PDB file of N, CA and C in Angstrom:
ATOM      1  N   MET A   1       7.917  51.266  -9.859  1.00  0.00           N
ATOM      2  CA  MET A   1       8.584  50.641  -8.712  1.00  0.00           C
ATOM      3  C   MET A   1      10.070  50.515  -8.964  1.00  0.00           C
ATOM      4  N   PRO A   2      10.877  50.729  -7.881  1.00  0.00           N
ATOM      5  CA  PRO A   2      12.302  50.547  -8.075  1.00  0.00           C
ATOM      6  C   PRO A   2      12.686  49.057  -8.237  1.00  0.00           C
ATOM      7  N   LYS A   3      13.706  48.847  -8.981  1.00  0.00           N
ATOM      8  CA  LYS A   3      14.133  47.465  -9.228  1.00  0.00           C
ATOM      9  C   LYS A   3      14.958  46.990  -8.084  1.00  0.00           C
ATOM     10  N   SER A   4      14.779  45.725  -7.618  1.00  0.00           N
ATOM     11  CA  SER A   4      15.561  45.188  -6.539  1.00  0.00           C
ATOM     12  C   SER A   4      16.958  44.882  -6.913  1.00  0.00           C
ATOM     13  N   ARG A   5      17.854  44.889  -5.916  1.00  0.00           N
ATOM     14  CA  ARG A   5      19.243  44.613  -6.230  1.00  0.00           C
ATOM     15  C   ARG A   5      19.440  43.166  -6.546  1.00  0.00           C
ATOM     16  N   VAL A   6      20.424  42.849  -7.309  1.00  0.00           N
ATOM     17  CA  VAL A   6      20.738  41.474  -7.680  1.00  0.00           C
ATOM     18  C   VAL A   6      21.758  40.977  -6.677  1.00  0.00           C
ATOM     19  N   ARG A   7      21.607  39.803  -6.199  1.00  0.00           N
ATOM     20  CA  ARG A   7      22.491  39.247  -5.265  1.00  0.00           C
ATOM     21  C   ARG A   7      23.847  38.905  -5.900  1.00  0.00           C
ATOM     22  N   LYS A   8      24.940  39.396  -5.323  1.00  0.00           N
ATOM     23  CA  LYS A   8      26.243  39.193  -5.885  1.00  0.00           C
ATOM     24  C   LYS A   8      26.916  37.929  -5.416  1.00  0.00           C
ATOM     25  N   LYS A   9      26.616  37.507  -4.167  1.00  0.00           N
ATOM     26  CA  LYS A   9      27.201  36.308  -3.611  1.00  0.00           C
ATOM     27  C   LYS A   9      26.376  35.086  -4.028  1.00  0.00           C
ATOM     28  N   SER A  10      27.083  33.936  -4.161  1.00  0.00           N
ATOM     29  CA  SER A  10      26.378  32.749  -4.415  1.00  0.00           C
ATOM     30  C   SER A  10      25.913  32.162  -3.104  1.00  0.00           C
ATOM     31  N   VAL A  11      24.906  31.292  -3.217  1.00  0.00           N
ATOM     32  CA  VAL A  11      24.364  30.673  -1.982  1.00  0.00           C
ATOM     33  C   VAL A  11      25.417  29.755  -1.332  1.00  0.00           C
ATOM     34  N   TYR A  12      25.522  29.729   0.019  1.00  0.00           N
ATOM     35  CA  TYR A  12      26.580  28.970   0.645  1.00  0.00           C
ATOM     36  C   TYR A  12      26.280  27.493   0.489  1.00  0.00           C
ATOM     37  N   THR A  13      27.261  26.733   0.154  1.00  0.00           N
ATOM     38  CA  THR A  13      27.194  25.257   0.064  1.00  0.00           C
ATOM     39  C   THR A  13      28.403  24.762   0.916  1.00  0.00           C
ATOM     40  N   PRO A  14      28.121  23.890   1.873  1.00  0.00           N
ATOM     41  CA  PRO A  14      29.206  23.384   2.688  1.00  0.00           C
ATOM     42  C   PRO A  14      30.136  22.529   1.902  1.00  0.00           C
ATOM     43  N   PRO A  15      31.421  22.448   2.302  1.00  0.00           N
ATOM     44  CA  PRO A  15      32.370  21.602   1.601  1.00  0.00           C
ATOM     45  C   PRO A  15      31.938  20.112   1.591  1.00  0.00           C
ATOM     46  N   VAL A  16      32.279  19.411   0.543  1.00  0.00           N
ATOM     47  CA  VAL A  16      31.836  18.039   0.354  1.00  0.00           C
ATOM     48  C   VAL A  16      32.375  17.116   1.489  1.00  0.00           C
ATOM     49  N   GLY A  17      33.635  17.229   1.830  1.00  0.00           N
ATOM     50  CA  GLY A  17      34.240  16.349   2.773  1.00  0.00           C
ATOM     51  C   GLY A  17      34.082  16.768   4.207  1.00  0.00           C
ATOM     52  N   ALA A  18      33.273  17.751   4.499  1.00  0.00           N
ATOM     53  CA  ALA A  18      33.190  18.272   5.870  1.00  0.00           C
ATOM     54  C   ALA A  18      32.346  17.297   6.720  1.00  0.00           C
ATOM     55  N   VAL A  19      32.989  16.774   7.818  1.00  0.00           N
ATOM     56  CA  VAL A  19      32.327  15.918   8.716  1.00  0.00           C
ATOM     57  C   VAL A  19      32.503  16.493  10.109  1.00  0.00           C
ATOM     58  N   SER A  20      31.452  16.448  10.907  1.00  0.00           N
ATOM     59  CA  SER A  20      31.476  17.015  12.240  1.00  0.00           C
ATOM     60  C   SER A  20      32.458  16.238  13.083  1.00  0.00           C
ATOM     61  N   ALA A  21      33.249  16.944  13.852  1.00  0.00           N
ATOM     62  CA  ALA A  21      34.197  16.285  14.791  1.00  0.00           C
ATOM     63  C   ALA A  21      33.544  15.669  15.956  1.00  0.00           C
ATOM     64  N   ARG A  22      32.302  16.090  16.266  1.00  0.00           N
ATOM     65  CA  ARG A  22      31.583  15.551  17.402  1.00  0.00           C
ATOM     66  C   ARG A  22      30.894  14.278  17.042  1.00  0.00           C
ATOM     67  N   LYS A  23      30.928  13.333  17.957  1.00  0.00           N
ATOM     68  CA  LYS A  23      30.304  12.033  17.801  1.00  0.00           C
ATOM     69  C   LYS A  23      28.775  12.216  17.853  1.00  0.00           C
ATOM     70  N   LYS A  24      27.978  11.717  16.948  1.00  0.00           N
ATOM     71  CA  LYS A  24      26.585  11.973  16.910  1.00  0.00           C
ATOM     72  C   LYS A  24      25.796  11.093  17.871  1.00  0.00           C
ATOM     73  N   TYR A  25      26.308   9.910  18.205  1.00  0.00           N
ATOM     74  CA  TYR A  25      25.485   9.018  19.053  1.00  0.00           C
ATOM     75  C   TYR A  25      26.366   8.457  20.154  1.00  0.00           C
ATOM     76  N   GLY A  26      25.769   7.990  21.208  1.00  0.00           N
ATOM     77  CA  GLY A  26      26.446   7.406  22.370  1.00  0.00           C
ATOM     78  C   GLY A  26      27.000   6.052  22.016  1.00  0.00           C
ATOM     79  N   SER A  27      27.664   5.425  22.996  1.00  0.00           N
ATOM     80  CA  SER A  27      28.234   4.169  22.806  1.00  0.00           C
ATOM     81  C   SER A  27      27.143   3.101  22.809  1.00  0.00           C
ATOM     82  N   PRO A  28      27.468   1.875  22.463  1.00  0.00           N
ATOM     83  CA  PRO A  28      26.474   0.795  22.530  1.00  0.00           C
ATOM     84  C   PRO A  28      26.011   0.473  23.928  1.00  0.00           C
ATOM     85  N   LEU A  29      26.782   0.855  24.921  1.00  0.00           N
ATOM     86  CA  LEU A  29      26.481   0.566  26.280  1.00  0.00           C
ATOM     87  C   LEU A  29      25.544   1.639  26.930  1.00  0.00           C
ATOM     88  N   THR A  30      25.211   2.669  26.227  1.00  0.00           N
ATOM     89  CA  THR A  30      24.351   3.696  26.776  1.00  0.00           C
ATOM     90  C   THR A  30      22.943   3.240  27.098  1.00  0.00           C
ATOM     91  N   GLY A  31      22.386   2.409  26.254  1.00  0.00           N
ATOM     92  CA  GLY A  31      21.018   1.907  26.476  1.00  0.00           C
ATOM     93  C   GLY A  31      20.951   1.017  27.731  1.00  0.00           C
ATOM     94  N   PRO A  32      21.803   0.020  27.840  1.00  0.00           N
ATOM     95  CA  PRO A  32      21.792  -0.815  29.032  1.00  0.00           C
ATOM     96  C   PRO A  32      22.140  -0.050  30.307  1.00  0.00           C
ATOM     97  N   ALA A  33      23.019   0.892  30.244  1.00  0.00           N
ATOM     98  CA  ALA A  33      23.404   1.691  31.397  1.00  0.00           C
ATOM     99  C   ALA A  33      22.199   2.556  31.806  1.00  0.00           C
ATOM    100  N   MET A  34      21.480   3.095  30.859  1.00  0.00           N
ATOM    101  CA  MET A  34      20.280   3.957  31.116  1.00  0.00           C
ATOM    102  C   MET A  34      19.205   3.092  31.818  1.00  0.00           C
ATOM    103  N   ALA A  35      18.957   1.926  31.287  1.00  0.00           N
ATOM    104  CA  ALA A  35      17.920   1.016  31.874  1.00  0.00           C
ATOM    105  C   ALA A  35      18.310   0.602  33.241  1.00  0.00           C
ATOM    106  N   THR A  36      19.608   0.378  33.513  1.00  0.00           N
ATOM    107  CA  THR A  36      20.108  -0.041  34.781  1.00  0.00           C
ATOM    108  C   THR A  36      19.908   1.062  35.804  1.00  0.00           C
ATOM    109  N   MET A  37      20.224   2.285  35.377  1.00  0.00           N
ATOM    110  CA  MET A  37      20.022   3.463  36.305  1.00  0.00           C
ATOM    111  C   MET A  37      18.553   3.610  36.685  1.00  0.00           C
ATOM    112  N   PHE A  38      17.641   3.472  35.708  1.00  0.00           N
ATOM    113  CA  PHE A  38      16.253   3.594  35.935  1.00  0.00           C
ATOM    114  C   PHE A  38      15.797   2.518  36.928  1.00  0.00           C
ATOM    115  N   LEU A  39      16.212   1.270  36.724  1.00  0.00           N
ATOM    116  CA  LEU A  39      15.765   0.176  37.585  1.00  0.00           C
ATOM    117  C   LEU A  39      16.341   0.285  38.982  1.00  0.00           C
ATOM    118  N   ILE A  40      17.603   0.704  39.101  1.00  0.00           N
ATOM    119  CA  ILE A  40      18.120   0.874  40.452  1.00  0.00           C
ATOM    120  C   ILE A  40      17.464   1.982  41.188  1.00  0.00           C
ATOM    121  N   GLY A  41      17.174   3.125  40.490  1.00  0.00           N
ATOM    122  CA  GLY A  41      16.450   4.200  41.139  1.00  0.00           C
ATOM    123  C   GLY A  41      15.116   3.857  41.594  1.00  0.00           C
ATOM    124  N   VAL A  42      14.387   3.182  40.746  1.00  0.00           N
ATOM    125  CA  VAL A  42      12.979   2.795  41.119  1.00  0.00           C
ATOM    126  C   VAL A  42      13.016   1.762  42.254  1.00  0.00           C
ATOM    127  N   ALA A  43      13.910   0.780  42.169  1.00  0.00           N
ATOM    128  CA  ALA A  43      14.015  -0.248  43.219  1.00  0.00           C
ATOM    129  C   ALA A  43      14.426   0.405  44.551  1.00  0.00           C
ATOM    130  N   TRP A  44      15.355   1.371  44.484  1.00  0.00           N
ATOM    131  CA  TRP A  44      15.800   2.041  45.706  1.00  0.00           C
ATOM    132  C   TRP A  44      14.622   2.773  46.397  1.00  0.00           C
ATOM    133  N   LEU A  45      13.827   3.470  45.590  1.00  0.00           N
ATOM    134  CA  LEU A  45      12.705   4.162  46.179  1.00  0.00           C
ATOM    135  C   LEU A  45      11.562   3.250  46.694  1.00  0.00           C
ATOM    136  N   VAL A  46      11.370   2.127  45.950  1.00  0.00           N
ATOM    137  CA  VAL A  46      10.341   1.129  46.403  1.00  0.00           C
ATOM    138  C   VAL A  46      10.760   0.539  47.686  1.00  0.00           C
ATOM    139  N   VAL A  47      12.030   0.121  47.805  1.00  0.00           N
ATOM    140  CA  VAL A  47      12.538  -0.474  49.041  1.00  0.00           C
ATOM    141  C   VAL A  47      12.394   0.520  50.195  1.00  0.00           C
ATOM    142  N   TYR A  48      12.787   1.761  49.945  1.00  0.00           N
ATOM    143  CA  TYR A  48      12.705   2.794  50.968  1.00  0.00           C
ATOM    144  C   TYR A  48      11.221   2.975  51.488  1.00  0.00           C
ATOM    145  N   TYR A  49      10.293   3.053  50.575  1.00  0.00           N
ATOM    146  CA  TYR A  49       8.887   3.223  50.968  1.00  0.00           C
ATOM    147  C   TYR A  49       8.293   1.994  51.640  1.00  0.00           C
ATOM    148  N   LEU A  50       8.607   0.828  51.159  1.00  0.00           N
ATOM    149  CA  LEU A  50       8.065  -0.413  51.679  1.00  0.00           C
ATOM    150  C   LEU A  50       8.647  -0.656  53.104  1.00  0.00           C
ATOM    151  N   ASP A  51       9.843  -0.253  53.365  1.00  0.00           N
ATOM    152  CA  ASP A  51      10.474  -0.487  54.636  1.00  0.00           C
ATOM    153  C   ASP A  51      10.233   0.716  55.587  1.00  0.00           C
ATOM    154  N   GLN A  52       9.489   1.692  55.154  1.00  0.00           N
ATOM    155  CA  GLN A  52       9.074   2.898  55.888  1.00  0.00           C
ATOM    156  C   GLN A  52      10.349   3.699  56.366  1.00  0.00           C
ATOM    157  N   GLY A  53      11.338   3.796  55.501  1.00  0.00           N
ATOM    158  CA  GLY A  53      12.480   4.630  55.797  1.00  0.00           C
ATOM    159  C   GLY A  53      13.612   3.935  56.481  1.00  0.00           C
ATOM    160  N   GLY A  54      13.491   2.616  56.702  1.00  0.00           N
ATOM    161  CA  GLY A  54      14.548   1.912  57.376  1.00  0.00           C
ATOM    162  C   GLY A  54      15.650   1.306  56.479  1.00  0.00           C
ATOM    163  N   ALA A  55      15.403   1.139  55.244  1.00  0.00           N
ATOM    164  CA  ALA A  55      16.328   0.576  54.289  1.00  0.00           C
ATOM    165  C   ALA A  55      16.339   1.466  53.074  1.00  0.00           C
ATOM    166  N   PRO A  56      17.205   1.361  52.163  1.00  0.00           N
ATOM    167  CA  PRO A  56      18.354   0.511  51.931  1.00  0.00           C
ATOM    168  C   PRO A  56      19.518   0.841  52.828  1.00  0.00           C
ATOM    169  N   ILE A  57      19.738   2.140  53.206  1.00  0.00           N
ATOM    170  CA  ILE A  57      20.805   2.520  54.169  1.00  0.00           C
ATOM    171  C   ILE A  57      20.099   3.111  55.386  1.00  0.00           C
ATOM    172  N   PRO A  58      20.017   2.349  56.501  1.00  0.00           N
ATOM    173  CA  PRO A  58      19.258   2.765  57.626  1.00  0.00           C
ATOM    174  C   PRO A  58      19.679   4.079  58.294  1.00  0.00           C
ATOM    175  N   GLY A  59      20.923   4.427  58.324  1.00  0.00           N
ATOM    176  CA  GLY A  59      21.394   5.548  59.029  1.00  0.00           C
ATOM    177  C   GLY A  59      21.135   6.937  58.394  1.00  0.00           C
ATOM    178  N   ILE A  60      20.813   6.956  57.143  1.00  0.00           N
ATOM    179  CA  ILE A  60      20.692   8.277  56.456  1.00  0.00           C
ATOM    180  C   ILE A  60      19.280   8.695  56.240  1.00  0.00           C
ATOM    181  N   HIS A  61      18.292   7.856  56.615  1.00  0.00           N
ATOM    182  CA  HIS A  61      16.847   8.195  56.616  1.00  0.00           C
ATOM    183  C   HIS A  61      16.444   8.767  55.263  1.00  0.00           C
ATOM    184  N   ALA A  62      15.970  10.058  55.261  1.00  0.00           N
ATOM    185  CA  ALA A  62      15.392  10.670  54.047  1.00  0.00           C
ATOM    186  C   ALA A  62      16.355  10.918  52.908  1.00  0.00           C
ATOM    187  N   TRP A  63      17.711  10.845  53.171  1.00  0.00           N
ATOM    188  CA  TRP A  63      18.646  10.975  52.111  1.00  0.00           C
ATOM    189  C   TRP A  63      18.545   9.849  51.125  1.00  0.00           C
ATOM    190  N   ASN A  64      17.916   8.775  51.514  1.00  0.00           N
ATOM    191  CA  ASN A  64      17.667   7.626  50.614  1.00  0.00           C
ATOM    192  C   ASN A  64      16.829   8.100  49.435  1.00  0.00           C
ATOM    193  N   LEU A  65      15.946   9.099  49.664  1.00  0.00           N
ATOM    194  CA  LEU A  65      15.121   9.632  48.523  1.00  0.00           C
ATOM    195  C   LEU A  65      16.049  10.295  47.480  1.00  0.00           C
ATOM    196  N   LEU A  66      17.011  11.052  48.059  1.00  0.00           N
ATOM    197  CA  LEU A  66      17.922  11.794  47.069  1.00  0.00           C
ATOM    198  C   LEU A  66      18.698  10.830  46.290  1.00  0.00           C
ATOM    199  N   ILE A  67      19.186   9.715  46.929  1.00  0.00           N
ATOM    200  CA  ILE A  67      19.947   8.701  46.204  1.00  0.00           C
ATOM    201  C   ILE A  67      19.117   8.123  45.141  1.00  0.00           C
ATOM    202  N   GLY A  68      17.869   7.689  45.458  1.00  0.00           N
ATOM    203  CA  GLY A  68      16.964   7.050  44.502  1.00  0.00           C
ATOM    204  C   GLY A  68      16.702   8.010  43.316  1.00  0.00           C
ATOM    205  N   PHE A  69      16.358   9.274  43.595  1.00  0.00           N
ATOM    206  CA  PHE A  69      16.070  10.211  42.540  1.00  0.00           C
ATOM    207  C   PHE A  69      17.383  10.532  41.781  1.00  0.00           C
ATOM    208  N   GLY A  70      18.508  10.493  42.393  1.00  0.00           N
ATOM    209  CA  GLY A  70      19.795  10.676  41.706  1.00  0.00           C
ATOM    210  C   GLY A  70      19.993   9.625  40.628  1.00  0.00           C
ATOM    211  N   PHE A  71      19.680   8.389  40.954  1.00  0.00           N
ATOM    212  CA  PHE A  71      19.776   7.327  39.936  1.00  0.00           C
ATOM    213  C   PHE A  71      18.794   7.562  38.808  1.00  0.00           C
ATOM    214  N   LEU A  72      17.591   8.018  39.126  1.00  0.00           N
ATOM    215  CA  LEU A  72      16.590   8.289  38.062  1.00  0.00           C
ATOM    216  C   LEU A  72      17.062   9.457  37.165  1.00  0.00           C
ATOM    217  N   ILE A  73      17.625  10.499  37.734  1.00  0.00           N
ATOM    218  CA  ILE A  73      18.114  11.634  36.977  1.00  0.00           C
ATOM    219  C   ILE A  73      19.320  11.185  36.091  1.00  0.00           C
ATOM    220  N   ALA A  74      20.173  10.314  36.636  1.00  0.00           N
ATOM    221  CA  ALA A  74      21.328   9.820  35.838  1.00  0.00           C
ATOM    222  C   ALA A  74      20.760   9.050  34.658  1.00  0.00           C
ATOM    223  N   GLY A  75      19.644   8.257  34.886  1.00  0.00           N
ATOM    224  CA  GLY A  75      19.050   7.535  33.749  1.00  0.00           C
ATOM    225  C   GLY A  75      18.496   8.473  32.707  1.00  0.00           C
ATOM    226  N   PHE A  76      17.909   9.580  33.079  1.00  0.00           N
ATOM    227  CA  PHE A  76      17.365  10.589  32.123  1.00  0.00           C
ATOM    228  C   PHE A  76      18.500  11.257  31.398  1.00  0.00           C
ATOM    229  N   VAL A  77      19.606  11.547  32.108  1.00  0.00           N
ATOM    230  CA  VAL A  77      20.797  12.113  31.380  1.00  0.00           C
ATOM    231  C   VAL A  77      21.319  11.196  30.353  1.00  0.00           C
ATOM    232  N   LEU A  78      21.417   9.887  30.675  1.00  0.00           N
ATOM    233  CA  LEU A  78      21.876   8.929  29.677  1.00  0.00           C
ATOM    234  C   LEU A  78      20.870   8.785  28.555  1.00  0.00           C
ATOM    235  N   ALA A  79      19.555   9.005  28.831  1.00  0.00           N
ATOM    236  CA  ALA A  79      18.568   8.829  27.798  1.00  0.00           C
ATOM    237  C   ALA A  79      18.748   9.911  26.675  1.00  0.00           C
ATOM    238  N   THR A  80      19.327  11.014  27.037  1.00  0.00           N
ATOM    239  CA  THR A  80      19.525  12.087  26.045  1.00  0.00           C
ATOM    240  C   THR A  80      20.606  11.731  25.109  1.00  0.00           C
ATOM    241  N   ARG A  81      21.506  10.783  25.473  1.00  0.00           N
ATOM    242  CA  ARG A  81      22.595  10.403  24.611  1.00  0.00           C
ATOM    243  C   ARG A  81      22.375   9.094  23.887  1.00  0.00           C
ATOM    244  N   TRP A  82      21.189   8.485  24.113  1.00  0.00           N
ATOM    245  CA  TRP A  82      20.875   7.168  23.580  1.00  0.00           C
ATOM    246  C   TRP A  82      20.223   7.266  22.203  1.00  0.00           C
ATOM    247  N   LYS A  83      20.606   6.393  21.311  1.00  0.00           N
ATOM    248  CA  LYS A  83      19.995   6.380  19.951  1.00  0.00           C
ATOM    249  C   LYS A  83      19.479   5.006  19.702  1.00  0.00           C
TER     250      LYS A  83
END
């Protein structure tokens, strides 16, 4: 059998003082903001369904669903930054 080649380069080791410039975690307010967005979104949808489309903003009818789900999506986006 032929002999395999010997590796000439050494294995990469990162520099000792290298720190990522990107912040790893969100701010301390991320958790409360996330919970607030979830609660507002759920409350918005519950009020919309209990009032049969007349509230929270009566003039926009089904767009209230979009607003409620918008708050929920914002809560999920904040959840990705929460530690």
